[in-house]
Amino acid sequence: MKVVVYDTLPDEAVKIRESVFVKEQGFQKEFDEIDEKAKHLILLYDDIAVATCRFFEGISKKTYMIGRIAVLKSYRGKNLGSYLLEQAEMEIRKIGGETVMLHAQQQAKPFYQKQGYLQYGDIDFDEDCPHIWMRKELKQKTEQTILESEK
C-alpha cells in the first residue's frame, strides 16, 4: 500500500468519489470549491487507486477538516479507510495541526469512533442524508511511534 498526497484534485480521486458518492450513494453535489484549496490523498493498493480523502484548514491554523473519505466497494473490509485516515492525520500533524474535525454520515459513526473521534452537536442533513460532526485531538507522535505505525 502506498498513499500519495496531491495539492490539486487528481483524476483518480474524481473517479473514486463519483463511483462511491454519486453512483452508489446518490449524492448530486459531490464537488465544490473546497477541492481547489484542499490536499487530496490517494491510496494505491497493488498500484491501483482504490481510496481517497481530502483535508483542508478549518477555523484556525491548528484545526483541519477531513472529508470525502471513499473506498471503492470491492476493496472495503480491508481496513483501507482506517489506514487512509491515519495517513491524513499524519500529514496534518506534519503541518502543525492539533485538532481534526469531520462531517460524517451518521451510518459511519462507529467507524470514526474506532479511530478516536467523538461526536459533538446535533444530527443535520446533507442532501437528505443524516450527518454528524465529529472531532479528534491529535497527539503529536514521536519518531518511534511513527516508525512503529508504519510497520
N, C-alpha and C. Protein backbone atom coordinates (compact mmCIF):
# COMPACT_ATOMS: atom_id res chain seq x y z
N MET A 1 0.84 -1.19 0.00
CA MET A 1 0.00 0.00 0.00
C MET A 1 0.87 1.24 0.00
N LYS A 2 0.37 2.23 -0.66
CA LYS A 2 1.09 3.49 -0.75
C LYS A 2 0.07 4.62 -0.80
N VAL A 3 0.35 5.72 -0.10
CA VAL A 3 -0.52 6.89 -0.14
C VAL A 3 0.25 8.04 -0.77
N VAL A 4 -0.39 8.69 -1.74
CA VAL A 4 0.20 9.83 -2.43
C VAL A 4 -0.65 11.07 -2.11
N VAL A 5 0.04 12.18 -1.81
CA VAL A 5 -0.64 13.42 -1.47
C VAL A 5 -0.52 14.39 -2.64
N TYR A 6 -1.64 15.01 -3.00
CA TYR A 6 -1.69 15.96 -4.12
C TYR A 6 -2.16 17.32 -3.63
N ASP A 7 -1.66 18.37 -4.27
CA ASP A 7 -2.11 19.73 -3.98
C ASP A 7 -3.34 20.11 -4.79
N THR A 8 -3.64 19.34 -5.82
CA THR A 8 -4.82 19.58 -6.65
C THR A 8 -5.62 18.28 -6.73
N LEU A 9 -6.87 18.39 -7.13
CA LEU A 9 -7.75 17.23 -7.21
C LEU A 9 -7.32 16.33 -8.36
N PRO A 10 -6.80 15.13 -8.06
CA PRO A 10 -6.35 14.24 -9.14
C PRO A 10 -7.52 13.49 -9.77
N ASP A 11 -7.34 13.07 -11.00
CA ASP A 11 -8.38 12.32 -11.72
C ASP A 11 -8.81 11.07 -10.96
N GLU A 12 -7.86 10.41 -10.29
CA GLU A 12 -8.18 9.20 -9.54
C GLU A 12 -9.19 9.48 -8.44
N ALA A 13 -9.03 10.61 -7.75
CA ALA A 13 -9.97 10.98 -6.69
C ALA A 13 -11.35 11.27 -7.26
N VAL A 14 -11.39 11.92 -8.41
CA VAL A 14 -12.67 12.21 -9.06
C VAL A 14 -13.39 10.90 -9.37
N LYS A 15 -12.68 9.95 -9.94
CA LYS A 15 -13.29 8.67 -10.32
C LYS A 15 -13.80 7.90 -9.09
N ILE A 16 -13.01 7.86 -8.03
CA ILE A 16 -13.41 7.15 -6.81
C ILE A 16 -14.63 7.82 -6.18
N ARG A 17 -14.60 9.14 -6.05
CA ARG A 17 -15.72 9.85 -5.43
C ARG A 17 -16.99 9.75 -6.26
N GLU A 18 -16.85 9.80 -7.58
CA GLU A 18 -18.04 9.62 -8.44
C GLU A 18 -18.62 8.22 -8.25
N SER A 19 -17.76 7.23 -8.18
CA SER A 19 -18.22 5.85 -8.01
C SER A 19 -18.95 5.66 -6.68
N VAL A 20 -18.34 6.15 -5.58
CA VAL A 20 -18.88 5.92 -4.25
C VAL A 20 -20.03 6.87 -3.92
N PHE A 21 -19.80 8.17 -4.05
CA PHE A 21 -20.79 9.13 -3.57
C PHE A 21 -21.91 9.43 -4.57
N VAL A 22 -21.59 9.49 -5.85
CA VAL A 22 -22.61 9.84 -6.85
C VAL A 22 -23.36 8.59 -7.30
N LYS A 23 -22.65 7.62 -7.86
CA LYS A 23 -23.32 6.44 -8.41
C LYS A 23 -23.88 5.53 -7.32
N GLU A 24 -23.08 5.23 -6.31
CA GLU A 24 -23.50 4.28 -5.28
C GLU A 24 -24.48 4.89 -4.26
N GLN A 25 -24.18 6.12 -3.81
CA GLN A 25 -24.97 6.71 -2.72
C GLN A 25 -25.96 7.78 -3.18
N GLY A 26 -25.86 8.24 -4.40
CA GLY A 26 -26.84 9.16 -4.95
C GLY A 26 -26.65 10.64 -4.64
N PHE A 27 -25.48 11.04 -4.17
CA PHE A 27 -25.24 12.46 -3.92
C PHE A 27 -25.07 13.19 -5.25
N GLN A 28 -25.57 14.42 -5.32
CA GLN A 28 -25.50 15.22 -6.54
C GLN A 28 -24.45 16.33 -6.46
N LYS A 29 -24.20 16.83 -5.25
CA LYS A 29 -23.28 17.97 -5.07
C LYS A 29 -21.96 17.50 -4.49
N GLU A 30 -21.29 16.63 -5.21
CA GLU A 30 -20.08 16.00 -4.70
C GLU A 30 -18.85 16.90 -4.77
N PHE A 31 -18.74 17.70 -5.79
CA PHE A 31 -17.54 18.51 -5.98
C PHE A 31 -17.86 19.96 -5.67
N ASP A 32 -16.91 20.65 -5.02
CA ASP A 32 -17.14 22.03 -4.59
C ASP A 32 -15.85 22.83 -4.64
N GLU A 33 -15.95 24.09 -4.23
CA GLU A 33 -14.79 24.99 -4.27
C GLU A 33 -13.70 24.57 -3.29
N ILE A 34 -14.04 23.78 -2.28
CA ILE A 34 -13.04 23.32 -1.32
C ILE A 34 -12.01 22.42 -2.02
N ASP A 35 -12.42 21.70 -3.03
CA ASP A 35 -11.49 20.84 -3.77
C ASP A 35 -10.29 21.62 -4.29
N GLU A 36 -10.49 22.91 -4.58
CA GLU A 36 -9.41 23.74 -5.12
C GLU A 36 -8.35 24.08 -4.07
N LYS A 37 -8.73 24.12 -2.79
CA LYS A 37 -7.76 24.51 -1.76
C LYS A 37 -7.31 23.34 -0.89
N ALA A 38 -7.95 22.19 -1.03
CA ALA A 38 -7.64 21.03 -0.18
C ALA A 38 -6.43 20.25 -0.69
N LYS A 39 -5.84 19.50 0.23
CA LYS A 39 -4.86 18.46 -0.12
C LYS A 39 -5.68 17.20 -0.33
N HIS A 40 -5.29 16.39 -1.30
CA HIS A 40 -6.01 15.18 -1.64
C HIS A 40 -5.08 13.98 -1.50
N LEU A 41 -5.57 12.94 -0.86
CA LEU A 41 -4.79 11.72 -0.70
C LEU A 41 -5.42 10.61 -1.55
N ILE A 42 -4.55 9.83 -2.17
CA ILE A 42 -4.96 8.65 -2.93
C ILE A 42 -4.24 7.46 -2.34
N LEU A 43 -4.98 6.41 -2.03
CA LEU A 43 -4.38 5.18 -1.55
C LEU A 43 -4.27 4.21 -2.72
N LEU A 44 -3.06 3.75 -2.97
CA LEU A 44 -2.81 2.77 -4.02
C LEU A 44 -2.66 1.40 -3.39
N TYR A 45 -3.41 0.45 -3.90
CA TYR A 45 -3.38 -0.93 -3.43
C TYR A 45 -3.02 -1.77 -4.64
N ASP A 46 -1.86 -2.40 -4.58
CA ASP A 46 -1.34 -3.10 -5.76
C ASP A 46 -1.29 -2.17 -6.97
N ASP A 47 -0.84 -0.94 -6.73
CA ASP A 47 -0.70 0.11 -7.76
C ASP A 47 -2.03 0.54 -8.40
N ILE A 48 -3.15 0.23 -7.75
CA ILE A 48 -4.47 0.66 -8.23
C ILE A 48 -5.03 1.68 -7.23
N ALA A 49 -5.51 2.81 -7.73
CA ALA A 49 -6.12 3.83 -6.86
C ALA A 49 -7.47 3.31 -6.38
N VAL A 50 -7.59 3.06 -5.07
CA VAL A 50 -8.80 2.43 -4.53
C VAL A 50 -9.50 3.25 -3.45
N ALA A 51 -8.83 4.30 -2.93
CA ALA A 51 -9.43 5.10 -1.86
C ALA A 51 -8.90 6.52 -1.93
N THR A 52 -9.70 7.45 -1.40
CA THR A 52 -9.30 8.85 -1.41
C THR A 52 -9.90 9.58 -0.22
N CYS A 53 -9.32 10.71 0.10
CA CYS A 53 -9.90 11.66 1.05
C CYS A 53 -9.23 13.01 0.80
N ARG A 54 -9.75 14.02 1.47
CA ARG A 54 -9.14 15.35 1.35
C ARG A 54 -9.09 15.97 2.73
N PHE A 55 -8.19 16.96 2.90
CA PHE A 55 -8.19 17.74 4.13
C PHE A 55 -7.83 19.17 3.80
N PHE A 56 -8.28 20.08 4.68
CA PHE A 56 -8.03 21.50 4.48
C PHE A 56 -8.10 22.20 5.83
N GLU A 57 -7.52 23.40 5.87
CA GLU A 57 -7.51 24.17 7.11
C GLU A 57 -8.93 24.55 7.50
N GLY A 58 -9.21 24.39 8.79
CA GLY A 58 -10.53 24.71 9.32
C GLY A 58 -10.58 26.13 9.87
N ILE A 59 -11.17 26.25 11.05
CA ILE A 59 -11.42 27.57 11.64
C ILE A 59 -10.17 28.23 12.21
N SER A 60 -9.10 27.47 12.37
CA SER A 60 -7.84 28.04 12.83
C SER A 60 -6.68 27.28 12.20
N LYS A 61 -5.48 27.81 12.36
CA LYS A 61 -4.31 27.17 11.76
C LYS A 61 -3.98 25.82 12.40
N LYS A 62 -4.53 25.54 13.54
CA LYS A 62 -4.26 24.28 14.23
C LYS A 62 -5.39 23.27 14.05
N THR A 63 -6.47 23.67 13.37
CA THR A 63 -7.63 22.81 13.17
C THR A 63 -7.82 22.52 11.69
N TYR A 64 -8.00 21.26 11.37
CA TYR A 64 -8.17 20.85 9.97
C TYR A 64 -9.42 20.00 9.82
N MET A 65 -9.99 20.06 8.64
CA MET A 65 -11.17 19.28 8.29
C MET A 65 -10.75 18.15 7.36
N ILE A 66 -11.22 16.94 7.67
CA ILE A 66 -11.02 15.80 6.77
C ILE A 66 -12.38 15.47 6.18
N GLY A 67 -12.40 15.13 4.91
CA GLY A 67 -13.68 14.80 4.30
C GLY A 67 -13.52 13.98 3.04
N ARG A 68 -14.68 13.61 2.50
CA ARG A 68 -14.75 12.87 1.24
C ARG A 68 -13.93 11.59 1.28
N ILE A 69 -13.96 10.91 2.43
CA ILE A 69 -13.27 9.62 2.55
C ILE A 69 -14.10 8.58 1.81
N ALA A 70 -13.47 7.96 0.83
CA ALA A 70 -14.19 6.99 0.00
C ALA A 70 -13.27 5.83 -0.37
N VAL A 71 -13.80 4.61 -0.23
CA VAL A 71 -13.09 3.40 -0.63
C VAL A 71 -13.98 2.68 -1.64
N LEU A 72 -13.39 2.29 -2.77
CA LEU A 72 -14.17 1.56 -3.77
C LEU A 72 -14.77 0.30 -3.14
N LYS A 73 -16.00 0.00 -3.52
CA LYS A 73 -16.77 -1.08 -2.91
C LYS A 73 -16.02 -2.41 -2.86
N SER A 74 -15.37 -2.78 -3.94
CA SER A 74 -14.70 -4.08 -3.99
C SER A 74 -13.45 -4.15 -3.10
N TYR A 75 -13.03 -3.02 -2.50
CA TYR A 75 -11.84 -3.01 -1.64
C TYR A 75 -12.19 -2.76 -0.18
N ARG A 76 -13.46 -2.69 0.15
CA ARG A 76 -13.86 -2.46 1.54
C ARG A 76 -13.63 -3.72 2.37
N GLY A 77 -13.51 -3.51 3.67
CA GLY A 77 -13.30 -4.63 4.58
C GLY A 77 -11.84 -5.01 4.74
N LYS A 78 -10.93 -4.20 4.20
CA LYS A 78 -9.50 -4.48 4.28
C LYS A 78 -8.78 -3.45 5.16
N ASN A 79 -9.55 -2.65 5.92
CA ASN A 79 -9.02 -1.60 6.79
C ASN A 79 -8.30 -0.49 6.02
N LEU A 80 -8.64 -0.33 4.75
CA LEU A 80 -8.00 0.71 3.94
C LEU A 80 -8.47 2.10 4.37
N GLY A 81 -9.73 2.24 4.74
CA GLY A 81 -10.24 3.52 5.20
C GLY A 81 -9.54 3.98 6.47
N SER A 82 -9.33 3.06 7.39
CA SER A 82 -8.61 3.37 8.64
C SER A 82 -7.19 3.81 8.34
N TYR A 83 -6.54 3.07 7.44
CA TYR A 83 -5.16 3.39 7.09
C TYR A 83 -5.08 4.77 6.42
N LEU A 84 -6.00 5.05 5.51
CA LEU A 84 -6.01 6.34 4.82
C LEU A 84 -6.25 7.48 5.80
N LEU A 85 -7.19 7.29 6.73
CA LEU A 85 -7.48 8.31 7.73
C LEU A 85 -6.25 8.57 8.60
N GLU A 86 -5.57 7.51 8.99
CA GLU A 86 -4.34 7.64 9.79
C GLU A 86 -3.28 8.43 9.02
N GLN A 87 -3.16 8.16 7.72
CA GLN A 87 -2.18 8.88 6.90
C GLN A 87 -2.54 10.36 6.78
N ALA A 88 -3.82 10.66 6.64
CA ALA A 88 -4.26 12.06 6.59
C ALA A 88 -3.93 12.76 7.90
N GLU A 89 -4.18 12.09 9.02
CA GLU A 89 -3.85 12.67 10.33
C GLU A 89 -2.35 12.93 10.44
N MET A 90 -1.55 12.01 9.93
CA MET A 90 -0.10 12.18 9.97
C MET A 90 0.33 13.40 9.15
N GLU A 91 -0.27 13.57 7.98
CA GLU A 91 0.04 14.75 7.15
C GLU A 91 -0.35 16.04 7.88
N ILE A 92 -1.47 16.01 8.55
CA ILE A 92 -1.94 17.19 9.29
C ILE A 92 -1.00 17.50 10.46
N ARG A 93 -0.53 16.46 11.15
CA ARG A 93 0.45 16.67 12.23
C ARG A 93 1.71 17.35 11.69
N LYS A 94 2.17 16.91 10.52
CA LYS A 94 3.40 17.45 9.92
C LYS A 94 3.32 18.95 9.72
N ILE A 95 2.12 19.48 9.47
CA ILE A 95 1.99 20.93 9.23
C ILE A 95 1.47 21.66 10.47
N GLY A 96 1.54 20.99 11.62
CA GLY A 96 1.21 21.64 12.88
C GLY A 96 -0.22 21.54 13.34
N GLY A 97 -1.02 20.72 12.68
CA GLY A 97 -2.40 20.55 13.10
C GLY A 97 -2.52 19.84 14.42
N GLU A 98 -3.47 20.26 15.24
CA GLU A 98 -3.68 19.67 16.56
C GLU A 98 -5.07 19.06 16.71
N THR A 99 -6.02 19.55 15.93
CA THR A 99 -7.40 19.08 16.02
C THR A 99 -7.91 18.76 14.62
N VAL A 100 -8.64 17.64 14.51
CA VAL A 100 -9.26 17.27 13.25
C VAL A 100 -10.76 17.21 13.47
N MET A 101 -11.49 17.77 12.52
CA MET A 101 -12.95 17.73 12.55
C MET A 101 -13.43 17.09 11.26
N LEU A 102 -14.61 16.48 11.31
CA LEU A 102 -15.21 15.95 10.09
C LEU A 102 -16.72 15.92 10.23
N HIS A 103 -17.38 15.92 9.07
CA HIS A 103 -18.84 15.90 8.98
C HIS A 103 -19.19 14.56 8.36
N ALA A 104 -19.49 13.58 9.20
CA ALA A 104 -19.64 12.19 8.76
C ALA A 104 -21.09 11.80 8.56
N GLN A 105 -21.31 10.90 7.63
CA GLN A 105 -22.63 10.29 7.53
C GLN A 105 -22.90 9.56 8.84
N GLN A 106 -24.11 9.67 9.34
CA GLN A 106 -24.49 9.05 10.61
C GLN A 106 -24.13 7.56 10.64
N GLN A 107 -24.35 6.87 9.52
CA GLN A 107 -24.07 5.44 9.48
C GLN A 107 -22.58 5.11 9.63
N ALA A 108 -21.69 6.09 9.43
CA ALA A 108 -20.25 5.86 9.56
C ALA A 108 -19.72 6.18 10.96
N LYS A 109 -20.60 6.60 11.86
CA LYS A 109 -20.18 6.98 13.21
C LYS A 109 -19.34 5.90 13.89
N PRO A 110 -19.74 4.62 13.89
CA PRO A 110 -18.92 3.59 14.56
C PRO A 110 -17.49 3.49 14.00
N PHE A 111 -17.36 3.64 12.70
CA PHE A 111 -16.03 3.62 12.07
C PHE A 111 -15.16 4.72 12.66
N TYR A 112 -15.67 5.94 12.71
CA TYR A 112 -14.89 7.07 13.22
C TYR A 112 -14.64 6.96 14.72
N GLN A 113 -15.60 6.43 15.46
CA GLN A 113 -15.40 6.24 16.90
C GLN A 113 -14.23 5.29 17.16
N LYS A 114 -14.10 4.24 16.35
CA LYS A 114 -12.98 3.31 16.49
C LYS A 114 -11.64 4.01 16.25
N GLN A 115 -11.67 5.10 15.48
CA GLN A 115 -10.44 5.84 15.17
C GLN A 115 -10.20 6.95 16.20
N GLY A 116 -11.05 7.03 17.23
CA GLY A 116 -10.84 8.02 18.29
C GLY A 116 -11.62 9.31 18.14
N TYR A 117 -12.56 9.37 17.22
CA TYR A 117 -13.35 10.58 17.02
C TYR A 117 -14.57 10.58 17.93
N LEU A 118 -14.94 11.77 18.39
CA LEU A 118 -16.09 11.96 19.27
C LEU A 118 -17.11 12.85 18.60
N GLN A 119 -18.37 12.50 18.74
CA GLN A 119 -19.45 13.31 18.17
C GLN A 119 -19.66 14.56 19.01
N TYR A 120 -20.00 15.66 18.33
CA TYR A 120 -20.46 16.85 19.04
C TYR A 120 -21.57 17.48 18.20
N GLY A 121 -22.48 18.13 18.85
CA GLY A 121 -23.59 18.76 18.14
C GLY A 121 -24.67 17.77 17.76
N ASP A 122 -25.66 18.29 17.08
CA ASP A 122 -26.83 17.50 16.69
C ASP A 122 -26.68 16.95 15.28
N ILE A 123 -27.55 16.01 14.95
CA ILE A 123 -27.61 15.47 13.60
C ILE A 123 -28.15 16.55 12.67
N ASP A 124 -27.55 16.67 11.50
CA ASP A 124 -28.07 17.56 10.46
C ASP A 124 -28.12 16.77 9.16
N PHE A 125 -28.58 17.40 8.10
CA PHE A 125 -28.78 16.67 6.85
C PHE A 125 -28.02 17.32 5.70
N ASP A 126 -27.37 16.48 4.91
CA ASP A 126 -26.69 16.90 3.69
C ASP A 126 -27.33 16.07 2.57
N GLU A 127 -28.03 16.73 1.67
CA GLU A 127 -28.76 16.06 0.59
C GLU A 127 -29.64 14.93 1.16
N ASP A 128 -30.39 15.24 2.20
CA ASP A 128 -31.33 14.33 2.85
C ASP A 128 -30.67 13.14 3.56
N CYS A 129 -29.37 13.17 3.72
CA CYS A 129 -28.64 12.10 4.41
C CYS A 129 -28.20 12.61 5.78
N PRO A 130 -28.55 11.90 6.87
CA PRO A 130 -28.16 12.36 8.21
C PRO A 130 -26.64 12.34 8.40
N HIS A 131 -26.12 13.45 8.89
CA HIS A 131 -24.70 13.62 9.16
C HIS A 131 -24.49 14.09 10.60
N ILE A 132 -23.29 13.84 11.10
CA ILE A 132 -22.91 14.31 12.42
C ILE A 132 -21.52 14.95 12.35
N TRP A 133 -21.27 15.88 13.27
CA TRP A 133 -19.94 16.48 13.40
C TRP A 133 -19.16 15.66 14.41
N MET A 134 -17.89 15.40 14.08
CA MET A 134 -17.02 14.66 14.97
C MET A 134 -15.66 15.35 15.01
N ARG A 135 -14.94 15.11 16.11
CA ARG A 135 -13.61 15.74 16.24
C ARG A 135 -12.67 14.80 16.97
N LYS A 136 -11.40 15.08 16.77
CA LYS A 136 -10.34 14.30 17.43
C LYS A 136 -9.17 15.23 17.70
N GLU A 137 -8.65 15.13 18.90
CA GLU A 137 -7.44 15.86 19.24
C GLU A 137 -6.26 14.98 18.85
N LEU A 138 -5.38 15.51 18.03
CA LEU A 138 -4.22 14.75 17.59
C LEU A 138 -3.11 14.84 18.62
N LYS A 139 -2.55 13.72 18.95
CA LYS A 139 -1.39 13.70 19.82
C LYS A 139 -0.18 13.70 18.90
N GLN A 140 0.79 14.50 19.23
CA GLN A 140 2.00 14.51 18.43
C GLN A 140 2.73 13.19 18.63
N LYS A 141 2.96 12.49 17.54
CA LYS A 141 3.66 11.20 17.63
C LYS A 141 5.17 11.44 17.66
N THR A 142 5.81 10.65 18.47
CA THR A 142 7.27 10.70 18.47
C THR A 142 7.77 9.94 17.25
N GLU A 143 9.04 10.11 16.95
CA GLU A 143 9.61 9.41 15.80
C GLU A 143 9.46 7.90 15.96
N GLN A 144 9.60 7.39 17.18
CA GLN A 144 9.48 5.95 17.43
C GLN A 144 8.08 5.45 17.13
N THR A 145 7.05 6.19 17.58
CA THR A 145 5.68 5.72 17.34
C THR A 145 5.31 5.82 15.87
N ILE A 146 5.88 6.77 15.15
CA ILE A 146 5.65 6.87 13.71
C ILE A 146 6.25 5.64 13.01
N LEU A 147 7.47 5.28 13.40
CA LEU A 147 8.10 4.11 12.80
C LEU A 147 7.31 2.83 13.09
N GLU A 148 6.79 2.71 14.31
CA GLU A 148 6.00 1.53 14.67
C GLU A 148 4.71 1.46 13.90
N SER A 149 4.07 2.62 13.65
CA SER A 149 2.78 2.61 12.95
C SER A 149 2.97 2.31 11.45
N GLU A 150 4.17 2.49 10.94
CA GLU A 150 4.42 2.23 9.53
C GLU A 150 4.75 0.76 9.26
N LYS A 151 4.89 -0.04 10.31
CA LYS A 151 5.22 -1.47 10.13
C LYS A 151 4.05 -2.24 9.62
